[in-house]
C-alpha atoms as a PDB file:
ATOM      1  CA  UNK A   1      18.319 -16.662  99.901  1.00  0.00           C
ATOM      2  CA  UNK A   2      17.992 -20.411 100.297  1.00  0.00           C
ATOM      3  CA  UNK A   3      14.464 -22.522 100.400  1.00  0.00           C
ATOM      4  CA  UNK A   4      14.705 -22.723 104.019  1.00  0.00           C
ATOM      5  CA  UNK A   5      14.863 -19.296 104.736  1.00  0.00           C
ATOM      6  CA  UNK A   6      12.156 -18.260 102.116  1.00  0.00           C
ATOM      7  CA  UNK A   7      10.041 -21.155 103.863  1.00  0.00           C
ATOM      8  CA  UNK A   8      10.822 -20.106 107.239  1.00  0.00           C
ATOM      9  CA  UNK A   9       9.289 -16.158 106.519  1.00  0.00           C
ATOM     10  CA  UNK A  10       6.451 -17.471 103.984  1.00  0.00           C
ATOM     11  CA  UNK A  11       5.193 -19.073 107.463  1.00  0.00           C
ATOM     12  CA  UNK A  12       5.533 -16.100 109.365  1.00  0.00           C
ATOM     13  CA  UNK A  13       3.810 -14.255 107.108  1.00  0.00           C
ATOM     14  CA  UNK A  14       0.906 -16.830 106.820  1.00  0.00           C
ATOM     15  CA  UNK A  15      -0.016 -15.033 110.010  1.00  0.00           C
ATOM     16  CA  UNK A  16      -2.370 -12.367 109.464  1.00  0.00           C
ATOM     17  CA  UNK A  17      -1.259 -10.675 112.841  1.00  0.00           C
ATOM     18  CA  UNK A  18       2.371 -11.358 112.518  1.00  0.00           C
ATOM     19  CA  UNK A  19       1.355  -9.684 108.815  1.00  0.00           C
ATOM     20  CA  UNK A  20       0.237  -6.927 110.385  1.00  0.00           C
ATOM     21  CA  UNK A  21       3.005  -6.562 112.343  1.00  0.00           C
ATOM     22  CA  UNK A  22       5.361  -6.252 109.452  1.00  0.00           C
ATOM     23  CA  UNK A  23       2.673  -3.439 107.740  1.00  0.00           C
ATOM     24  CA  UNK A  24       2.864  -1.210 110.620  1.00  0.00           C
ATOM     25  CA  UNK A  25       6.085  -1.342 111.058  1.00  0.00           C
ATOM     26  CA  UNK A  26       6.583   0.001 107.829  1.00  0.00           C
ATOM     27  CA  UNK A  27       5.711   3.453 108.899  1.00  0.00           C
ATOM     28  CA  UNK A  28       5.555   3.692 112.385  1.00  0.00           C
ATOM     29  CA  UNK A  29       5.254   7.290 113.265  1.00  0.00           C
ATOM     30  CA  UNK A  30       1.594   7.058 111.661  1.00  0.00           C
ATOM     31  CA  UNK A  31       0.732   3.313 113.931  1.00  0.00           C
ATOM     32  CA  UNK A  32       2.575   4.385 116.882  1.00  0.00           C
ATOM     33  CA  UNK A  33       2.966   6.698 119.475  1.00  0.00           C
ATOM     34  CA  UNK A  34       5.711   8.496 120.367  1.00  0.00           C
ATOM     35  CA  UNK A  35       7.998   6.542 122.756  1.00  0.00           C
ATOM     36  CA  UNK A  36       8.717   8.843 126.079  1.00  0.00           C
ATOM     37  CA  UNK A  37      12.130   7.322 126.544  1.00  0.00           C
ATOM     38  CA  UNK A  38      13.628   7.394 122.555  1.00  0.00           C
ATOM     39  CA  UNK A  39      12.180  10.428 121.006  1.00  0.00           C
ATOM     40  CA  UNK A  40      12.812   8.707 117.568  1.00  0.00           C
ATOM     41  CA  UNK A  41      11.728   5.934 115.461  1.00  0.00           C
ATOM     42  CA  UNK A  42      15.185   4.726 114.278  1.00  0.00           C
ATOM     43  CA  UNK A  43      15.806   1.569 116.306  1.00  0.00           C
ATOM     44  CA  UNK A  44      12.164   0.520 115.887  1.00  0.00           C
ATOM     45  CA  UNK A  45       8.924   0.054 118.054  1.00  0.00           C
ATOM     46  CA  UNK A  46       8.671  -0.381 121.999  1.00  0.00           C
ATOM     47  CA  UNK A  47       7.523  -4.005 121.332  1.00  0.00           C
ATOM     48  CA  UNK A  48       5.068  -3.436 124.674  1.00  0.00           C
ATOM     49  CA  UNK A  49       3.483  -0.607 121.569  1.00  0.00           C
ATOM     50  CA  UNK A  50       3.150  -3.508 119.138  1.00  0.00           C
ATOM     51  CA  UNK A  51       1.782  -5.841 122.081  1.00  0.00           C
ATOM     52  CA  UNK A  52      -0.540  -3.058 123.274  1.00  0.00           C
ATOM     53  CA  UNK A  53      -2.009  -2.578 119.493  1.00  0.00           C
ATOM     54  CA  UNK A  54      -2.496  -6.106 118.593  1.00  0.00           C
ATOM     55  CA  UNK A  55      -4.345  -6.701 122.064  1.00  0.00           C
ATOM     56  CA  UNK A  56      -2.855  -9.741 122.323  1.00  0.00           C
ATOM     57  CA  UNK A  57      -0.969 -11.268 125.182  1.00  0.00           C
ATOM     58  CA  UNK A  58       2.668 -10.769 125.646  1.00  0.00           C
ATOM     59  CA  UNK A  59       3.785 -13.816 125.484  1.00  0.00           C
ATOM     60  CA  UNK A  60       2.562 -14.281 121.873  1.00  0.00           C
ATOM     61  CA  UNK A  61       3.676 -11.095 120.680  1.00  0.00           C
ATOM     62  CA  UNK A  62       7.137 -12.266 122.250  1.00  0.00           C
ATOM     63  CA  UNK A  63       6.876 -15.857 120.579  1.00  0.00           C
ATOM     64  CA  UNK A  64       5.798 -13.376 117.267  1.00  0.00           C
ATOM     65  CA  UNK A  65       8.518 -11.060 117.346  1.00  0.00           C
ATOM     66  CA  UNK A  66      11.284 -13.612 117.902  1.00  0.00           C
ATOM     67  CA  UNK A  67       9.460 -15.874 115.063  1.00  0.00           C
ATOM     68  CA  UNK A  68      10.020 -12.787 112.697  1.00  0.00           C
ATOM     69  CA  UNK A  69      13.091 -11.715 114.060  1.00  0.00           C
ATOM     70  CA  UNK A  70      14.623 -15.367 113.559  1.00  0.00           C
ATOM     71  CA  UNK A  71      13.644 -15.602 110.074  1.00  0.00           C
ATOM     72  CA  UNK A  72      15.469 -12.128 109.356  1.00  0.00           C
ATOM     73  CA  UNK A  73      12.023 -10.276 109.246  1.00  0.00           C
ATOM     74  CA  UNK A  74      12.734  -8.100 112.043  1.00  0.00           C
ATOM     75  CA  UNK A  75      16.108  -6.701 113.389  1.00  0.00           C
ATOM     76  CA  UNK A  76      15.856  -6.320 117.309  1.00  0.00           C
ATOM     77  CA  UNK A  77      17.414  -3.610 119.986  1.00  0.00           C
ATOM     78  CA  UNK A  78      17.863  -2.975 122.998  1.00  0.00           C
ATOM     79  CA  UNK A  79      17.376  -0.125 125.287  1.00  0.00           C
ATOM     80  CA  UNK A  80      17.889  -0.825 128.609  1.00  0.00           C
ATOM     81  CA  UNK A  81      15.234  -3.804 129.918  1.00  0.00           C
ATOM     82  CA  UNK A  82      13.045  -2.939 126.760  1.00  0.00           C
ATOM     83  CA  UNK A  83      13.071  -4.042 122.955  1.00  0.00           C
ATOM     84  CA  UNK A  84      12.234  -2.378 120.128  1.00  0.00           C
ATOM     85  CA  UNK A  85      11.798  -4.266 116.708  1.00  0.00           C
ATOM     86  CA  UNK A  86      12.182  -2.732 113.100  1.00  0.00           C
ATOM     87  CA  UNK A  87      11.625  -3.770 109.380  1.00  0.00           C
ATOM     88  CA  UNK A  88      14.466  -5.988 107.728  1.00  0.00           C
ATOM     89  CA  UNK A  89      14.428  -4.023 104.206  1.00  0.00           C
ATOM     90  CA  UNK A  90      16.649  -5.701 103.189  1.00  0.00           C
ATOM     91  CA  UNK A  91      15.395  -9.549 103.415  1.00  0.00           C
ATOM     92  CA  UNK A  92      12.046  -8.254 102.345  1.00  0.00           C
ATOM     93  CA  UNK A  93      14.111  -7.147  99.119  1.00  0.00           C
ATOM     94  CA  UNK A  94      15.920 -10.387  98.832  1.00  0.00           C
ATOM     95  CA  UNK A  95      12.028 -12.368  99.244  1.00  0.00           C
ATOM     96  CA  UNK A  96       9.787 -10.555  96.986  1.00  0.00           C
ATOM     97  CA  UNK A  97      13.115 -11.128  94.502  1.00  0.00           C
ATOM     98  CA  UNK A  98      13.135 -14.676  94.797  1.00  0.00           C
ATOM     99  CA  UNK A  99       9.649 -14.560  93.627  1.00  0.00           C
ATOM    100  CA  UNK A 100      10.516 -11.986  90.588  1.00  0.00           C
END
């Protein structure tokens, strides 16, 4: 992991809402309602559920999720018109190891 990526991840984690999102996605079953169309959390959590939980605008959450995906913290999967997000555990592991 290069320093530029470390800086981008650190910037992303400096926002309390983005940090909360990452923490909520650690245990999606405990933090989000069951999905209506996809009956599991294998592909993550629908962006609309994340937006609802944060009570922020759709455009703000879209920007946050895009930023987190761009630096590698999240992986997105599309199901029709819906985007699902989950943690990228490999990037999180490398980020932790960088500081050890």
